[in-house]
Amino acid sequence: MKRALSAGVLLLALSLPAAAISLEEAIAALGSAKASGQLGEQPDGYLGVVQPSGQAAAVAARINQARQAEYQRVAGQNGIGLKAVESLAGQKAIARTPAGQYIQQGGRWVRK
């Protein structure tokens, strides 16, 4: 019983580093992940994984979590729907994306 519990705890511990990333770590990794083509901006205001590698998915998930919280705050503060805030944020993020990085258009990833 003790051995099975230890193995379960070990498996959980091994799975945590890939998923457990702080917002600060995600922010620090974001620029290089976008520049290397791992992540891109989507019209819905969130990051998408273009080429999965390293911690790209974990970075996107953590940044998207923070973005959603901010979008909800803005929507509530201004009395508008979350979807409207997400859409406007997506338009702005795509407009600010430098040439050579990925954006999503029509459901496909393209280099800007």
PDB file of N, CA and C in Angstrom:
ATOM      1  N   MET A   1       0.821  -1.187   0.000  1.00  0.00           N
ATOM      2  CA  MET A   1       0.000   0.000   0.000  1.00  0.00           C
ATOM      3  C   MET A   1       0.870   1.258   0.000  1.00  0.00           C
ATOM      4  N   LYS A   2       1.862   1.229   0.904  1.00  0.00           N
ATOM      5  CA  LYS A   2       2.755   2.387   1.017  1.00  0.00           C
ATOM      6  C   LYS A   2       3.526   2.594  -0.278  1.00  0.00           C
ATOM      7  N   ARG A   3       3.969   1.491  -0.907  1.00  0.00           N
ATOM      8  CA  ARG A   3       4.726   1.575  -2.153  1.00  0.00           C
ATOM      9  C   ARG A   3       3.865   2.140  -3.286  1.00  0.00           C
ATOM     10  N   ALA A   4       2.590   1.717  -3.378  1.00  0.00           N
ATOM     11  CA  ALA A   4       1.676   2.227  -4.399  1.00  0.00           C
ATOM     12  C   ALA A   4       1.422   3.710  -4.199  1.00  0.00           C
ATOM     13  N   LEU A   5       1.275   4.119  -2.950  1.00  0.00           N
ATOM     14  CA  LEU A   5       1.072   5.537  -2.650  1.00  0.00           C
ATOM     15  C   LEU A   5       2.308   6.342  -3.032  1.00  0.00           C
ATOM     16  N   SER A   6       3.480   5.832  -2.727  1.00  0.00           N
ATOM     17  CA  SER A   6       4.722   6.516  -3.081  1.00  0.00           C
ATOM     18  C   SER A   6       4.866   6.654  -4.588  1.00  0.00           C
ATOM     19  N   ALA A   7       4.511   5.607  -5.328  1.00  0.00           N
ATOM     20  CA  ALA A   7       4.594   5.659  -6.783  1.00  0.00           C
ATOM     21  C   ALA A   7       3.617   6.697  -7.335  1.00  0.00           C
ATOM     22  N   GLY A   8       2.425   6.777  -6.753  1.00  0.00           N
ATOM     23  CA  GLY A   8       1.440   7.772  -7.183  1.00  0.00           C
ATOM     24  C   GLY A   8       1.913   9.184  -6.913  1.00  0.00           C
ATOM     25  N   VAL A   9       2.504   9.391  -5.753  1.00  0.00           N
ATOM     26  CA  VAL A   9       3.034  10.717  -5.410  1.00  0.00           C
ATOM     27  C   VAL A   9       4.179  11.083  -6.341  1.00  0.00           C
ATOM     28  N   LEU A  10       5.022  10.125  -6.661  1.00  0.00           N
ATOM     29  CA  LEU A  10       6.135  10.370  -7.577  1.00  0.00           C
ATOM     30  C   LEU A  10       5.623  10.750  -8.959  1.00  0.00           C
ATOM     31  N   LEU A  11       4.628  10.016  -9.461  1.00  0.00           N
ATOM     32  CA  LEU A  11       4.060  10.337 -10.774  1.00  0.00           C
ATOM     33  C   LEU A  11       3.450  11.736 -10.775  1.00  0.00           C
ATOM     34  N   LEU A  12       2.757  12.081  -9.711  1.00  0.00           N
ATOM     35  CA  LEU A  12       2.175  13.421  -9.615  1.00  0.00           C
ATOM     36  C   LEU A  12       3.273  14.476  -9.592  1.00  0.00           C
ATOM     37  N   ALA A  13       4.308  14.248  -8.824  1.00  0.00           N
ATOM     38  CA  ALA A  13       5.403  15.209  -8.737  1.00  0.00           C
ATOM     39  C   ALA A  13       6.100  15.383 -10.081  1.00  0.00           C
ATOM     40  N   LEU A  14       6.246  14.300 -10.825  1.00  0.00           N
ATOM     41  CA  LEU A  14       6.893  14.393 -12.129  1.00  0.00           C
ATOM     42  C   LEU A  14       6.026  15.122 -13.150  1.00  0.00           C
ATOM     43  N   SER A  15       4.718  15.069 -12.980  1.00  0.00           N
ATOM     44  CA  SER A  15       3.833  15.736 -13.933  1.00  0.00           C
ATOM     45  C   SER A  15       3.664  17.218 -13.615  1.00  0.00           C
ATOM     46  N   LEU A  16       3.939  17.638 -12.411  1.00  0.00           N
ATOM     47  CA  LEU A  16       3.730  19.030 -12.022  1.00  0.00           C
ATOM     48  C   LEU A  16       4.655  20.034 -12.698  1.00  0.00           C
ATOM     49  N   PRO A  17       5.949  19.792 -12.850  1.00  0.00           N
ATOM     50  CA  PRO A  17       6.806  20.826 -13.417  1.00  0.00           C
ATOM     51  C   PRO A  17       6.367  21.334 -14.784  1.00  0.00           C
ATOM     52  N   ALA A  18       5.840  20.472 -15.625  1.00  0.00           N
ATOM     53  CA  ALA A  18       5.407  20.919 -16.949  1.00  0.00           C
ATOM     54  C   ALA A  18       4.186  21.817 -16.850  1.00  0.00           C
ATOM     55  N   ALA A  19       3.307  21.539 -15.901  1.00  0.00           N
ATOM     56  CA  ALA A  19       2.078  22.309 -15.787  1.00  0.00           C
ATOM     57  C   ALA A  19       2.225  23.476 -14.825  1.00  0.00           C
ATOM     58  N   ALA A  20       3.043  23.315 -13.814  1.00  0.00           N
ATOM     59  CA  ALA A  20       3.172  24.341 -12.784  1.00  0.00           C
ATOM     60  C   ALA A  20       4.193  25.380 -13.220  1.00  0.00           C
ATOM     61  N   ILE A  21       3.681  26.496 -13.654  1.00  0.00           N
ATOM     62  CA  ILE A  21       4.545  27.596 -14.074  1.00  0.00           C
ATOM     63  C   ILE A  21       3.928  28.870 -13.521  1.00  0.00           C
ATOM     64  N   SER A  22       4.756  29.699 -12.956  1.00  0.00           N
ATOM     65  CA  SER A  22       4.243  30.946 -12.387  1.00  0.00           C
ATOM     66  C   SER A  22       3.976  31.949 -13.508  1.00  0.00           C
ATOM     67  N   LEU A  23       3.182  32.932 -13.203  1.00  0.00           N
ATOM     68  CA  LEU A  23       2.900  33.976 -14.185  1.00  0.00           C
ATOM     69  C   LEU A  23       4.182  34.695 -14.575  1.00  0.00           C
ATOM     70  N   GLU A  24       5.046  34.932 -13.611  1.00  0.00           N
ATOM     71  CA  GLU A  24       6.305  35.612 -13.898  1.00  0.00           C
ATOM     72  C   GLU A  24       7.176  34.792 -14.855  1.00  0.00           C
ATOM     73  N   GLU A  25       7.222  33.478 -14.640  1.00  0.00           N
ATOM     74  CA  GLU A  25       7.988  32.609 -15.530  1.00  0.00           C
ATOM     75  C   GLU A  25       7.378  32.601 -16.932  1.00  0.00           C
ATOM     76  N   ALA A  26       6.055  32.579 -16.979  1.00  0.00           N
ATOM     77  CA  ALA A  26       5.366  32.575 -18.271  1.00  0.00           C
ATOM     78  C   ALA A  26       5.621  33.872 -19.024  1.00  0.00           C
ATOM     79  N   ILE A  27       5.561  34.988 -18.326  1.00  0.00           N
ATOM     80  CA  ILE A  27       5.822  36.290 -18.952  1.00  0.00           C
ATOM     81  C   ILE A  27       7.258  36.347 -19.468  1.00  0.00           C
ATOM     82  N   ALA A  28       8.188  35.823 -18.681  1.00  0.00           N
ATOM     83  CA  ALA A  28       9.596  35.832 -19.090  1.00  0.00           C
ATOM     84  C   ALA A  28       9.823  34.975 -20.331  1.00  0.00           C
ATOM     85  N   ALA A  29       9.073  33.891 -20.472  1.00  0.00           N
ATOM     86  CA  ALA A  29       9.255  32.976 -21.595  1.00  0.00           C
ATOM     87  C   ALA A  29       8.437  33.367 -22.828  1.00  0.00           C
ATOM     88  N   LEU A  30       7.474  34.256 -22.662  1.00  0.00           N
ATOM     89  CA  LEU A  30       6.537  34.580 -23.733  1.00  0.00           C
ATOM     90  C   LEU A  30       7.210  35.139 -24.983  1.00  0.00           C
ATOM     91  N   GLY A  31       8.072  36.100 -24.840  1.00  0.00           N
ATOM     92  CA  GLY A  31       8.715  36.735 -25.994  1.00  0.00           C
ATOM     93  C   GLY A  31       9.470  35.751 -26.862  1.00  0.00           C
ATOM     94  N   SER A  32      10.262  34.906 -26.235  1.00  0.00           N
ATOM     95  CA  SER A  32      11.032  33.942 -27.025  1.00  0.00           C
ATOM     96  C   SER A  32      10.134  32.857 -27.620  1.00  0.00           C
ATOM     97  N   ALA A  33       9.067  32.490 -26.906  1.00  0.00           N
ATOM     98  CA  ALA A  33       8.143  31.478 -27.438  1.00  0.00           C
ATOM     99  C   ALA A  33       7.412  32.007 -28.666  1.00  0.00           C
ATOM    100  N   LYS A  34       7.062  33.289 -28.657  1.00  0.00           N
ATOM    101  CA  LYS A  34       6.408  33.875 -29.830  1.00  0.00           C
ATOM    102  C   LYS A  34       7.412  34.073 -30.961  1.00  0.00           C
ATOM    103  N   ALA A  35       8.605  34.544 -30.636  1.00  0.00           N
ATOM    104  CA  ALA A  35       9.624  34.791 -31.657  1.00  0.00           C
ATOM    105  C   ALA A  35      10.080  33.497 -32.330  1.00  0.00           C
ATOM    106  N   SER A  36      10.078  32.393 -31.592  1.00  0.00           N
ATOM    107  CA  SER A  36      10.519  31.117 -32.166  1.00  0.00           C
ATOM    108  C   SER A  36       9.387  30.371 -32.870  1.00  0.00           C
ATOM    109  N   GLY A  37       8.196  30.938 -32.872  1.00  0.00           N
ATOM    110  CA  GLY A  37       7.076  30.330 -33.585  1.00  0.00           C
ATOM    111  C   GLY A  37       6.321  29.274 -32.809  1.00  0.00           C
ATOM    112  N   GLN A  38       6.551  29.190 -31.515  1.00  0.00           N
ATOM    113  CA  GLN A  38       5.828  28.215 -30.693  1.00  0.00           C
ATOM    114  C   GLN A  38       4.421  28.705 -30.347  1.00  0.00           C
ATOM    115  N   LEU A  39       4.274  29.995 -30.131  1.00  0.00           N
ATOM    116  CA  LEU A  39       3.000  30.581 -29.734  1.00  0.00           C
ATOM    117  C   LEU A  39       2.606  31.694 -30.690  1.00  0.00           C
ATOM    118  N   GLY A  40       1.308  31.918 -30.803  1.00  0.00           N
ATOM    119  CA  GLY A  40       0.802  32.992 -31.639  1.00  0.00           C
ATOM    120  C   GLY A  40      -0.459  33.594 -31.047  1.00  0.00           C
ATOM    121  N   GLU A  41      -0.830  34.744 -31.576  1.00  0.00           N
ATOM    122  CA  GLU A  41      -2.023  35.451 -31.108  1.00  0.00           C
ATOM    123  C   GLU A  41      -3.245  35.009 -31.898  1.00  0.00           C
ATOM    124  N   GLN A  42      -4.340  34.856 -31.202  1.00  0.00           N
ATOM    125  CA  GLN A  42      -5.599  34.431 -31.801  1.00  0.00           C
ATOM    126  C   GLN A  42      -6.605  35.580 -31.766  1.00  0.00           C
ATOM    127  N   PRO A  43      -7.591  35.580 -32.651  1.00  0.00           N
ATOM    128  CA  PRO A  43      -8.594  36.645 -32.682  1.00  0.00           C
ATOM    129  C   PRO A  43      -9.455  36.725 -31.421  1.00  0.00           C
ATOM    130  N   ASP A  44      -9.471  35.646 -30.632  1.00  0.00           N
ATOM    131  CA  ASP A  44     -10.284  35.649 -29.414  1.00  0.00           C
ATOM    132  C   ASP A  44      -9.575  36.261 -28.215  1.00  0.00           C
ATOM    133  N   GLY A  45      -8.382  36.827 -28.445  1.00  0.00           N
ATOM    134  CA  GLY A  45      -7.660  37.494 -27.367  1.00  0.00           C
ATOM    135  C   GLY A  45      -6.745  36.605 -26.559  1.00  0.00           C
ATOM    136  N   TYR A  46      -6.623  35.374 -26.951  1.00  0.00           N
ATOM    137  CA  TYR A  46      -5.798  34.435 -26.211  1.00  0.00           C
ATOM    138  C   TYR A  46      -4.654  33.916 -27.082  1.00  0.00           C
ATOM    139  N   LEU A  47      -3.643  33.372 -26.413  1.00  0.00           N
ATOM    140  CA  LEU A  47      -2.518  32.761 -27.105  1.00  0.00           C
ATOM    141  C   LEU A  47      -2.897  31.364 -27.549  1.00  0.00           C
ATOM    142  N   GLY A  48      -2.339  30.943 -28.655  1.00  0.00           N
ATOM    143  CA  GLY A  48      -2.507  29.581 -29.123  1.00  0.00           C
ATOM    144  C   GLY A  48      -1.157  28.950 -29.345  1.00  0.00           C
ATOM    145  N   VAL A  49      -1.117  27.640 -29.249  1.00  0.00           N
ATOM    146  CA  VAL A  49       0.121  26.896 -29.479  1.00  0.00           C
ATOM    147  C   VAL A  49       0.222  26.595 -30.969  1.00  0.00           C
ATOM    148  N   VAL A  50       1.249  27.136 -31.593  1.00  0.00           N
ATOM    149  CA  VAL A  50       1.487  26.942 -33.020  1.00  0.00           C
ATOM    150  C   VAL A  50       2.308  25.674 -33.222  1.00  0.00           C
ATOM    151  N   GLN A  51       3.419  25.582 -32.520  1.00  0.00           N
ATOM    152  CA  GLN A  51       4.320  24.438 -32.612  1.00  0.00           C
ATOM    153  C   GLN A  51       4.639  23.979 -31.195  1.00  0.00           C
ATOM    154  N   PRO A  52       3.995  22.904 -30.755  1.00  0.00           N
ATOM    155  CA  PRO A  52       4.205  22.457 -29.379  1.00  0.00           C
ATOM    156  C   PRO A  52       5.630  21.973 -29.148  1.00  0.00           C
ATOM    157  N   SER A  53       6.280  22.581 -28.205  1.00  0.00           N
ATOM    158  CA  SER A  53       7.592  22.128 -27.763  1.00  0.00           C
ATOM    159  C   SER A  53       7.915  22.826 -26.463  1.00  0.00           C
ATOM    160  N   GLY A  54       8.767  22.210 -25.684  1.00  0.00           N
ATOM    161  CA  GLY A  54       9.153  22.775 -24.404  1.00  0.00           C
ATOM    162  C   GLY A  54       7.939  23.041 -23.538  1.00  0.00           C
ATOM    163  N   GLN A  55       7.893  24.228 -22.987  1.00  0.00           N
ATOM    164  CA  GLN A  55       6.795  24.611 -22.107  1.00  0.00           C
ATOM    165  C   GLN A  55       5.791  25.523 -22.804  1.00  0.00           C
ATOM    166  N   ALA A  56       5.713  25.466 -24.114  1.00  0.00           N
ATOM    167  CA  ALA A  56       4.823  26.358 -24.859  1.00  0.00           C
ATOM    168  C   ALA A  56       3.388  26.276 -24.360  1.00  0.00           C
ATOM    169  N   ALA A  57       2.874  25.076 -24.195  1.00  0.00           N
ATOM    170  CA  ALA A  57       1.486  24.916 -23.748  1.00  0.00           C
ATOM    171  C   ALA A  57       1.292  25.462 -22.343  1.00  0.00           C
ATOM    172  N   ALA A  58       2.262  25.237 -21.459  1.00  0.00           N
ATOM    173  CA  ALA A  58       2.159  25.733 -20.084  1.00  0.00           C
ATOM    174  C   ALA A  58       2.226  27.258 -20.057  1.00  0.00           C
ATOM    175  N   VAL A  59       3.086  27.841 -20.881  1.00  0.00           N
ATOM    176  CA  VAL A  59       3.186  29.300 -20.959  1.00  0.00           C
ATOM    177  C   VAL A  59       1.866  29.877 -21.467  1.00  0.00           C
ATOM    178  N   ALA A  60       1.333  29.304 -22.538  1.00  0.00           N
ATOM    179  CA  ALA A  60       0.068  29.791 -23.089  1.00  0.00           C
ATOM    180  C   ALA A  60      -1.056  29.671 -22.063  1.00  0.00           C
ATOM    181  N   ALA A  61      -1.131  28.539 -21.384  1.00  0.00           N
ATOM    182  CA  ALA A  61      -2.195  28.331 -20.403  1.00  0.00           C
ATOM    183  C   ALA A  61      -2.125  29.349 -19.274  1.00  0.00           C
ATOM    184  N   ARG A  62      -0.927  29.616 -18.778  1.00  0.00           N
ATOM    185  CA  ARG A  62      -0.776  30.550 -17.642  1.00  0.00           C
ATOM    186  C   ARG A  62      -1.065  31.979 -18.085  1.00  0.00           C
ATOM    187  N   ILE A  63      -0.559  32.389 -19.245  1.00  0.00           N
ATOM    188  CA  ILE A  63      -0.833  33.736 -19.761  1.00  0.00           C
ATOM    189  C   ILE A  63      -2.324  33.882 -20.045  1.00  0.00           C
ATOM    190  N   ASN A  64      -2.922  32.870 -20.651  1.00  0.00           N
ATOM    191  CA  ASN A  64      -4.349  32.934 -20.971  1.00  0.00           C
ATOM    192  C   ASN A  64      -5.203  33.022 -19.713  1.00  0.00           C
ATOM    193  N   GLN A  65      -4.782  32.361 -18.663  1.00  0.00           N
ATOM    194  CA  GLN A  65      -5.503  32.438 -17.395  1.00  0.00           C
ATOM    195  C   GLN A  65      -5.488  33.879 -16.876  1.00  0.00           C
ATOM    196  N   ALA A  66      -4.337  34.517 -16.935  1.00  0.00           N
ATOM    197  CA  ALA A  66      -4.223  35.903 -16.486  1.00  0.00           C
ATOM    198  C   ALA A  66      -5.002  36.839 -17.399  1.00  0.00           C
ATOM    199  N   ARG A  67      -4.945  36.591 -18.701  1.00  0.00           N
ATOM    200  CA  ARG A  67      -5.693  37.422 -19.647  1.00  0.00           C
ATOM    201  C   ARG A  67      -7.193  37.316 -19.382  1.00  0.00           C
ATOM    202  N   GLN A  68      -7.683  36.096 -19.163  1.00  0.00           N
ATOM    203  CA  GLN A  68      -9.109  35.931 -18.940  1.00  0.00           C
ATOM    204  C   GLN A  68      -9.561  36.675 -17.684  1.00  0.00           C
ATOM    205  N   ALA A  69      -8.770  36.614 -16.641  1.00  0.00           N
ATOM    206  CA  ALA A  69      -9.107  37.339 -15.415  1.00  0.00           C
ATOM    207  C   ALA A  69      -9.186  38.847 -15.687  1.00  0.00           C
ATOM    208  N   GLU A  70      -8.237  39.362 -16.453  1.00  0.00           N
ATOM    209  CA  GLU A  70      -8.241  40.788 -16.787  1.00  0.00           C
ATOM    210  C   GLU A  70      -9.420  41.134 -17.691  1.00  0.00           C
ATOM    211  N   TYR A  71      -9.713  40.300 -18.669  1.00  0.00           N
ATOM    212  CA  TYR A  71     -10.852  40.550 -19.555  1.00  0.00           C
ATOM    213  C   TYR A  71     -12.158  40.565 -18.759  1.00  0.00           C
ATOM    214  N   GLN A  72     -12.290  39.658 -17.801  1.00  0.00           N
ATOM    215  CA  GLN A  72     -13.493  39.628 -16.970  1.00  0.00           C
ATOM    216  C   GLN A  72     -13.604  40.900 -16.135  1.00  0.00           C
ATOM    217  N   ARG A  73     -12.473  41.364 -15.611  1.00  0.00           N
ATOM    218  CA  ARG A  73     -12.474  42.600 -14.822  1.00  0.00           C
ATOM    219  C   ARG A  73     -12.905  43.779 -15.682  1.00  0.00           C
ATOM    220  N   VAL A  74     -12.348  43.892 -16.885  1.00  0.00           N
ATOM    221  CA  VAL A  74     -12.675  44.993 -17.798  1.00  0.00           C
ATOM    222  C   VAL A  74     -14.141  44.923 -18.219  1.00  0.00           C
ATOM    223  N   ALA A  75     -14.616  43.722 -18.515  1.00  0.00           N
ATOM    224  CA  ALA A  75     -16.019  43.555 -18.924  1.00  0.00           C
ATOM    225  C   ALA A  75     -16.958  44.000 -17.802  1.00  0.00           C
ATOM    226  N   GLY A  76     -16.680  43.569 -16.603  1.00  0.00           N
ATOM    227  CA  GLY A  76     -17.513  43.951 -15.466  1.00  0.00           C
ATOM    228  C   GLY A  76     -17.467  45.432 -15.170  1.00  0.00           C
ATOM    229  N   GLN A  77     -16.278  46.001 -15.249  1.00  0.00           N
ATOM    230  CA  GLN A  77     -16.086  47.426 -14.972  1.00  0.00           C
ATOM    231  C   GLN A  77     -16.825  48.288 -15.992  1.00  0.00           C
ATOM    232  N   ASN A  78     -16.928  47.812 -17.222  1.00  0.00           N
ATOM    233  CA  ASN A  78     -17.534  48.604 -18.290  1.00  0.00           C
ATOM    234  C   ASN A  78     -18.946  48.147 -18.669  1.00  0.00           C
ATOM    235  N   GLY A  79     -19.435  47.129 -17.992  1.00  0.00           N
ATOM    236  CA  GLY A  79     -20.781  46.651 -18.251  1.00  0.00           C
ATOM    237  C   GLY A  79     -20.979  46.088 -19.648  1.00  0.00           C
ATOM    238  N   ILE A  80     -19.957  45.408 -20.148  1.00  0.00           N
ATOM    239  CA  ILE A  80     -20.052  44.790 -21.476  1.00  0.00           C
ATOM    240  C   ILE A  80     -19.761  43.303 -21.347  1.00  0.00           C
ATOM    241  N   GLY A  81     -20.073  42.558 -22.382  1.00  0.00           N
ATOM    242  CA  GLY A  81     -19.860  41.120 -22.352  1.00  0.00           C
ATOM    243  C   GLY A  81     -18.404  40.721 -22.475  1.00  0.00           C
ATOM    244  N   LEU A  82     -18.083  39.581 -21.910  1.00  0.00           N
ATOM    245  CA  LEU A  82     -16.720  39.053 -21.963  1.00  0.00           C
ATOM    246  C   LEU A  82     -16.270  38.838 -23.401  1.00  0.00           C
ATOM    247  N   LYS A  83     -17.146  38.303 -24.241  1.00  0.00           N
ATOM    248  CA  LYS A  83     -16.786  38.036 -25.649  1.00  0.00           C
ATOM    249  C   LYS A  83     -16.373  39.315 -26.377  1.00  0.00           C
ATOM    250  N   ALA A  84     -17.034  40.423 -26.076  1.00  0.00           N
ATOM    251  CA  ALA A  84     -16.680  41.694 -26.718  1.00  0.00           C
ATOM    252  C   ALA A  84     -15.276  42.135 -26.312  1.00  0.00           C
ATOM    253  N   VAL A  85     -14.952  41.970 -25.034  1.00  0.00           N
ATOM    254  CA  VAL A  85     -13.615  42.341 -24.550  1.00  0.00           C
ATOM    255  C   VAL A  85     -12.566  41.421 -25.168  1.00  0.00           C
ATOM    256  N   GLU A  86     -12.851  40.120 -25.214  1.00  0.00           N
ATOM    257  CA  GLU A  86     -11.907  39.170 -25.809  1.00  0.00           C
ATOM    258  C   GLU A  86     -11.642  39.507 -27.275  1.00  0.00           C
ATOM    259  N   SER A  87     -12.697  39.805 -28.000  1.00  0.00           N
ATOM    260  CA  SER A  87     -12.564  40.120 -29.426  1.00  0.00           C
ATOM    261  C   SER A  87     -11.733  41.377 -29.650  1.00  0.00           C
ATOM    262  N   LEU A  88     -12.002  42.414 -28.882  1.00  0.00           N
ATOM    263  CA  LEU A  88     -11.240  43.662 -29.011  1.00  0.00           C
ATOM    264  C   LEU A  88      -9.777  43.440 -28.631  1.00  0.00           C
ATOM    265  N   ALA A  89      -9.553  42.678 -27.565  1.00  0.00           N
ATOM    266  CA  ALA A  89      -8.175  42.377 -27.153  1.00  0.00           C
ATOM    267  C   ALA A  89      -7.457  41.575 -28.240  1.00  0.00           C
ATOM    268  N   GLY A  90      -8.163  40.645 -28.873  1.00  0.00           N
ATOM    269  CA  GLY A  90      -7.567  39.866 -29.949  1.00  0.00           C
ATOM    270  C   GLY A  90      -7.171  40.726 -31.127  1.00  0.00           C
ATOM    271  N   GLN A  91      -8.044  41.657 -31.497  1.00  0.00           N
ATOM    272  CA  GLN A  91      -7.736  42.574 -32.603  1.00  0.00           C
ATOM    273  C   GLN A  91      -6.490  43.399 -32.287  1.00  0.00           C
ATOM    274  N   LYS A  92      -6.428  43.906 -31.051  1.00  0.00           N
ATOM    275  CA  LYS A  92      -5.277  44.726 -30.654  1.00  0.00           C
ATOM    276  C   LYS A  92      -3.990  43.900 -30.599  1.00  0.00           C
ATOM    277  N   ALA A  93      -4.068  42.678 -30.079  1.00  0.00           N
ATOM    278  CA  ALA A  93      -2.879  41.828 -29.977  1.00  0.00           C
ATOM    279  C   ALA A  93      -2.360  41.462 -31.360  1.00  0.00           C
ATOM    280  N   ILE A  94      -3.268  41.161 -32.272  1.00  0.00           N
ATOM    281  CA  ILE A  94      -2.853  40.826 -33.642  1.00  0.00           C
ATOM    282  C   ILE A  94      -2.238  42.047 -34.323  1.00  0.00           C
ATOM    283  N   ALA A  95      -2.820  43.209 -34.113  1.00  0.00           N
ATOM    284  CA  ALA A  95      -2.281  44.438 -34.705  1.00  0.00           C
ATOM    285  C   ALA A  95      -0.871  44.743 -34.179  1.00  0.00           C
ATOM    286  N   ARG A  96      -0.615  44.427 -32.913  1.00  0.00           N
ATOM    287  CA  ARG A  96       0.693  44.715 -32.296  1.00  0.00           C
ATOM    288  C   ARG A  96       1.729  43.626 -32.560  1.00  0.00           C
ATOM    289  N   THR A  97       1.307  42.504 -33.096  1.00  0.00           N
ATOM    290  CA  THR A  97       2.243  41.403 -33.339  1.00  0.00           C
ATOM    291  C   THR A  97       3.251  41.803 -34.413  1.00  0.00           C
ATOM    292  N   PRO A  98       4.541  41.679 -34.108  1.00  0.00           N
ATOM    293  CA  PRO A  98       5.565  42.049 -35.085  1.00  0.00           C
ATOM    294  C   PRO A  98       5.561  41.122 -36.308  1.00  0.00           C
ATOM    295  N   ALA A  99       6.039  41.635 -37.398  1.00  0.00           N
ATOM    296  CA  ALA A  99       6.184  40.831 -38.624  1.00  0.00           C
ATOM    297  C   ALA A  99       7.044  39.613 -38.325  1.00  0.00           C
ATOM    298  N   GLY A 100       6.664  38.493 -38.915  1.00  0.00           N
ATOM    299  CA  GLY A 100       7.417  37.259 -38.739  1.00  0.00           C
ATOM    300  C   GLY A 100       6.874  36.354 -37.655  1.00  0.00           C
ATOM    301  N   GLN A 101       6.045  36.905 -36.764  1.00  0.00           N
ATOM    302  CA  GLN A 101       5.437  36.076 -35.730  1.00  0.00           C
ATOM    303  C   GLN A 101       4.077  35.582 -36.203  1.00  0.00           C
ATOM    304  N   TYR A 102       3.553  34.580 -35.519  1.00  0.00           N
ATOM    305  CA  TYR A 102       2.316  33.938 -35.947  1.00  0.00           C
ATOM    306  C   TYR A 102       1.064  34.596 -35.373  1.00  0.00           C
ATOM    307  N   ILE A 103       0.056  34.669 -36.238  1.00  0.00           N
ATOM    308  CA  ILE A 103      -1.284  35.080 -35.857  1.00  0.00           C
ATOM    309  C   ILE A 103      -2.250  34.061 -36.472  1.00  0.00           C
ATOM    310  N   GLN A 104      -3.415  33.987 -35.894  1.00  0.00           N
ATOM    311  CA  GLN A 104      -4.400  33.064 -36.441  1.00  0.00           C
ATOM    312  C   GLN A 104      -5.412  33.840 -37.276  1.00  0.00           C
ATOM    313  N   GLN A 105      -5.600  33.403 -38.505  1.00  0.00           N
ATOM    314  CA  GLN A 105      -6.569  34.009 -39.416  1.00  0.00           C
ATOM    315  C   GLN A 105      -7.383  32.902 -40.051  1.00  0.00           C
ATOM    316  N   GLY A 106      -8.694  33.013 -39.944  1.00  0.00           N
ATOM    317  CA  GLY A 106      -9.554  31.993 -40.536  1.00  0.00           C
ATOM    318  C   GLY A 106      -9.288  30.598 -39.998  1.00  0.00           C
ATOM    319  N   GLY A 107      -8.878  30.510 -38.746  1.00  0.00           N
ATOM    320  CA  GLY A 107      -8.607  29.211 -38.140  1.00  0.00           C
ATOM    321  C   GLY A 107      -7.253  28.605 -38.475  1.00  0.00           C
ATOM    322  N   ARG A 108      -6.439  29.338 -39.252  1.00  0.00           N
ATOM    323  CA  ARG A 108      -5.114  28.849 -39.646  1.00  0.00           C
ATOM    324  C   ARG A 108      -4.034  29.762 -39.104  1.00  0.00           C
ATOM    325  N   TRP A 109      -2.889  29.181 -38.798  1.00  0.00           N
ATOM    326  CA  TRP A 109      -1.741  29.959 -38.361  1.00  0.00           C
ATOM    327  C   TRP A 109      -0.986  30.480 -39.572  1.00  0.00           C
ATOM    328  N   VAL A 110      -0.718  31.786 -39.581  1.00  0.00           N
ATOM    329  CA  VAL A 110       0.045  32.413 -40.652  1.00  0.00           C
ATOM    330  C   VAL A 110       1.077  33.355 -40.038  1.00  0.00           C
ATOM    331  N   ARG A 111       2.182  33.511 -40.731  1.00  0.00           N
ATOM    332  CA  ARG A 111       3.172  34.497 -40.286  1.00  0.00           C
ATOM    333  C   ARG A 111       2.704  35.866 -40.698  1.00  0.00           C
ATOM    334  N   LYS A 112       2.803  36.792 -39.812  1.00  0.00           N
ATOM    335  CA  LYS A 112       2.393  38.161 -40.105  1.00  0.00           C
ATOM    336  C   LYS A 112       3.447  38.841 -40.955  1.00  0.00           C
TER     337      LYS A 112
END
